[in-house]
Amino acid sequence: MAYEKEVLEKLILDVSEKFLFRYGYKNLNLNDVAKEINISKTTLYKTFDSKYVVASRVIERLLENAEFAMSELLQSELPLPEKLKQGIEIISNIYTKMDREFLYDLENSLPELWEKIDAARKKKESAITALLFKEQSKGVVRADIDPALLSALLLTLIRGMYNPNFFLTYNVTSDVVVKAIIDIFLQGSVGR
C-alpha cells in the first residue's frame, strides 16, 4: 500500500504507541509494527530511522496532545469542578495508556524520555496550582489551604489510582475514580 508521508507517519506512531505502551520499549519490535500496517521494514526505517526515534516521537506526541488539551481547558470559563474533572481526565489519559512495563523501561532505559514526561507532569502541576490560586482569590477554594500542596495531592491521587492494578483490585471504571477524586477533593477544599 502506498501512503502519503504524513498518513504513514501517523499510522506508524499509532501502532507503535499501542505496542510500546502494552509491551514496553525493550519488547517493541518494529517488524511487528510494519506487519500490522502492511508495509516493509525498509519503508518504516525510511520514515523513522530507529526504534528510539519512534518511541521518542510517540511520547512527544502524547505530551503535545495533553498540553494542548490542558491549555484549552485552563483558558475556558468552566466552573472549578468541571475544570478539575476534565484536567484529571487529561492527566490520567497519559498514565492509563502506559503500563508498568513501559514505565519501568522508560525510567531505567530511556531516562531522557522519562525526564520529558516528568517535566510535562510538573508543568501540569504548576498549571493546576495556578488555577487553584486563581480560584482561591475568588473565594472558591478555602483560604487556609495551600494551592500548591492541594495540586500535589491531586496529582498523587491520580498517579496512585490510575494504574491497571488499581482498576482490577477495586473493579471500578475510570469515571467512578474521577468522580470520587473530585467529590473528595471538593468536599475539603472548596469554601463553604
Protein backbone atom coordinates (compact mmCIF):
# COMPACT_ATOMS: atom_id res chain seq x y z
CA MET A 1 0.00 0.00 0.00
CA ALA A 2 1.21 3.45 -0.83
CA TYR A 3 0.68 6.07 1.85
CA GLU A 4 1.31 9.78 1.92
CA LYS A 5 4.20 10.61 4.23
CA GLU A 6 2.05 12.25 6.96
CA VAL A 7 -0.50 9.43 6.91
CA LEU A 8 2.28 6.84 7.07
CA GLU A 9 3.97 8.61 10.00
CA LYS A 10 0.67 8.75 11.89
CA LEU A 11 -0.04 5.06 11.24
CA ILE A 12 3.43 4.05 12.40
CA LEU A 13 3.12 6.15 15.54
CA ASP A 14 -0.40 4.90 16.30
CA VAL A 15 0.59 1.24 16.06
CA SER A 16 3.92 1.82 17.79
CA GLU A 17 2.13 3.58 20.66
CA LYS A 18 -0.19 0.62 21.10
CA PHE A 19 2.71 -1.87 21.13
CA LEU A 20 5.03 0.35 23.13
CA PHE A 21 2.57 1.01 25.93
CA ARG A 22 1.48 -2.62 26.05
CA TYR A 23 4.85 -4.41 25.81
CA GLY A 24 7.41 -1.80 26.81
CA TYR A 25 10.35 -0.32 24.93
CA LYS A 26 12.61 -3.34 25.19
CA ASN A 27 9.94 -5.57 23.65
CA LEU A 28 8.87 -3.13 20.95
CA ASN A 29 9.55 -4.86 17.65
CA LEU A 30 9.39 -2.61 14.61
CA ASN A 31 8.91 -5.69 12.40
CA ASP A 32 5.59 -6.23 14.18
CA VAL A 33 4.69 -2.58 13.62
CA ALA A 34 5.48 -2.86 9.91
CA LYS A 35 3.44 -6.08 9.60
CA GLU A 36 0.46 -4.52 11.38
CA ILE A 37 0.46 -1.60 8.91
CA ASN A 38 1.26 -3.83 5.95
CA ILE A 39 4.46 -2.05 4.96
CA SER A 40 8.04 -3.24 4.65
CA LYS A 41 10.54 -2.72 7.42
CA THR A 42 12.58 -0.69 4.91
CA THR A 43 9.67 1.70 4.44
CA LEU A 44 9.32 2.04 8.20
CA TYR A 45 13.03 2.82 8.60
CA LYS A 46 12.87 5.40 5.80
CA THR A 47 10.19 7.15 7.84
CA PHE A 48 11.81 6.76 11.29
CA ASP A 49 15.44 5.71 11.44
CA SER A 50 15.39 3.88 14.78
CA LYS A 51 13.25 2.36 17.50
CA TYR A 52 14.39 5.14 19.82
CA VAL A 53 13.18 7.83 17.39
CA VAL A 54 9.79 6.09 17.15
CA ALA A 55 9.47 5.87 20.95
CA SER A 56 10.59 9.46 21.37
CA ARG A 57 8.08 10.72 18.83
CA VAL A 58 5.26 8.68 20.44
CA ILE A 59 6.00 10.29 23.81
CA GLU A 60 6.33 13.77 22.31
CA ARG A 61 3.00 13.38 20.51
CA LEU A 62 1.25 12.16 23.67
CA LEU A 63 2.62 15.08 25.69
CA GLU A 64 1.84 17.64 22.96
CA ASN A 65 -1.78 16.46 22.81
CA ALA A 66 -2.10 16.61 26.60
CA GLU A 67 -0.50 20.07 26.70
CA PHE A 68 -2.88 21.41 24.07
CA ALA A 69 -5.92 19.95 25.84
CA MET A 70 -4.81 21.33 29.22
CA SER A 71 -4.13 24.77 27.78
CA GLU A 72 -7.57 24.89 26.18
CA LEU A 73 -9.17 23.73 29.40
CA LEU A 74 -7.43 26.29 31.60
CA GLN A 75 -8.48 29.11 29.26
CA SER A 76 -12.11 28.03 29.35
CA GLU A 77 -14.72 29.64 31.57
CA LEU A 78 -15.86 26.33 33.07
CA PRO A 79 -16.51 26.19 36.82
CA LEU A 80 -13.75 24.73 39.02
CA PRO A 81 -15.34 21.28 39.49
CA GLU A 82 -15.65 20.78 35.72
CA LYS A 83 -12.13 22.06 35.07
CA LEU A 84 -10.77 19.67 37.70
CA LYS A 85 -12.76 16.77 36.25
CA GLN A 86 -11.51 17.40 32.73
CA GLY A 87 -7.96 18.12 33.98
CA ILE A 88 -7.89 14.80 35.82
CA GLU A 89 -9.05 13.07 32.66
CA ILE A 90 -6.32 14.74 30.59
CA ILE A 91 -3.58 13.82 33.06
CA SER A 92 -4.91 10.34 33.71
CA ASN A 93 -5.02 9.59 29.98
CA ILE A 94 -1.23 9.86 29.99
CA TYR A 95 -0.90 7.32 32.81
CA THR A 96 -3.61 4.92 31.69
CA LYS A 97 -2.00 4.46 28.29
CA MET A 98 1.30 3.37 29.75
CA ASP A 99 1.55 0.05 31.53
CA ARG A 100 4.04 -0.77 34.25
CA GLU A 101 6.48 -2.47 31.85
CA PHE A 102 6.73 0.61 29.67
CA LEU A 103 7.14 2.97 32.64
CA TYR A 104 9.87 0.70 34.04
CA ASP A 105 11.64 0.71 30.65
CA LEU A 106 11.39 4.48 30.48
CA GLU A 107 12.79 5.06 33.92
CA ASN A 108 15.63 2.56 33.54
CA SER A 109 16.47 2.51 29.83
CA LEU A 110 15.33 5.84 28.45
CA PRO A 111 15.93 8.42 31.17
CA GLU A 112 15.75 11.36 28.75
CA LEU A 113 12.19 10.37 27.74
CA TRP A 114 11.29 9.79 31.39
CA GLU A 115 12.54 13.33 32.12
CA LYS A 116 10.27 14.71 29.37
CA ILE A 117 7.25 13.02 30.92
CA ASP A 118 8.24 14.22 34.38
CA ALA A 119 8.76 17.77 33.12
CA ALA A 120 5.31 17.67 31.50
CA ARG A 121 3.83 16.40 34.77
CA LYS A 122 5.48 19.27 36.67
CA LYS A 123 4.16 21.77 34.14
CA LYS A 124 0.62 20.43 34.56
CA GLU A 125 1.03 20.52 38.33
CA SER A 126 2.06 24.19 38.05
CA ALA A 127 -0.94 24.91 35.84
CA ILE A 128 -3.31 23.28 38.33
CA THR A 129 -1.61 25.18 41.17
CA ALA A 130 -2.12 28.46 39.29
CA LEU A 131 -5.78 27.56 38.69
CA LEU A 132 -6.27 26.81 42.39
CA PHE A 133 -4.58 30.10 43.41
CA LYS A 134 -6.88 31.94 41.00
CA GLU A 135 -9.95 30.18 42.39
CA GLN A 136 -8.73 30.87 45.92
CA SER A 137 -8.52 34.59 45.17
CA LYS A 138 -12.19 34.42 44.08
CA GLY A 139 -13.12 32.70 47.34
CA VAL A 140 -13.91 29.35 45.69
CA VAL A 141 -11.01 27.48 47.31
CA ARG A 142 -10.62 27.83 51.07
CA ALA A 143 -8.10 30.49 52.11
CA ASP A 144 -6.45 28.24 54.72
CA ILE A 145 -5.32 25.66 52.14
CA ASP A 146 -2.05 25.92 50.20
CA PRO A 147 -2.96 25.56 46.49
CA ALA A 148 0.48 24.08 45.67
CA LEU A 149 0.00 21.34 48.28
CA LEU A 150 -3.55 20.77 47.06
CA SER A 151 -2.29 20.40 43.49
CA ALA A 152 0.42 17.94 44.55
CA LEU A 153 -2.14 15.91 46.50
CA LEU A 154 -4.45 15.81 43.49
CA LEU A 155 -1.70 14.59 41.17
CA THR A 156 -0.57 12.00 43.70
CA LEU A 157 -4.12 10.65 43.82
CA ILE A 158 -4.22 10.47 40.04
CA ARG A 159 -0.86 8.68 39.75
CA GLY A 160 -1.75 6.27 42.53
CA MET A 161 -5.20 5.37 41.26
CA TYR A 162 -4.70 5.39 37.51
CA ASN A 163 -2.95 2.10 37.00
CA PRO A 164 -4.25 -1.27 35.83
CA ASN A 165 -3.76 -2.96 39.22
CA PHE A 166 -5.95 -0.42 40.97
CA PHE A 167 -8.79 -0.92 38.48
CA LEU A 168 -8.51 -4.70 38.72
CA THR A 169 -8.34 -4.72 42.52
CA TYR A 170 -11.32 -2.43 43.06
CA ASN A 171 -13.31 -3.33 39.93
CA VAL A 172 -14.17 0.27 39.10
CA THR A 173 -14.21 2.36 35.94
CA SER A 174 -12.17 5.50 35.34
CA ASP A 175 -15.40 7.55 35.52
CA VAL A 176 -16.04 6.29 39.05
CA VAL A 177 -12.47 7.14 40.06
CA VAL A 178 -12.67 10.66 38.59
CA LYS A 179 -15.96 11.29 40.41
CA ALA A 180 -14.54 10.02 43.71
CA ILE A 181 -11.40 12.17 43.40
CA ILE A 182 -13.42 15.28 42.53
CA ASP A 183 -16.01 14.69 45.26
CA ILE A 184 -13.41 14.11 47.97
CA PHE A 185 -11.19 16.90 46.70
CA LEU A 186 -14.00 19.46 46.58
CA GLN A 187 -15.52 18.45 49.92
CA GLY A 188 -12.44 19.54 51.79
CA SER A 189 -11.04 22.35 49.68
CA VAL A 190 -13.90 24.45 48.37
CA GLY A 191 -15.09 27.29 50.57
CA ARG A 192 -18.34 26.87 52.42
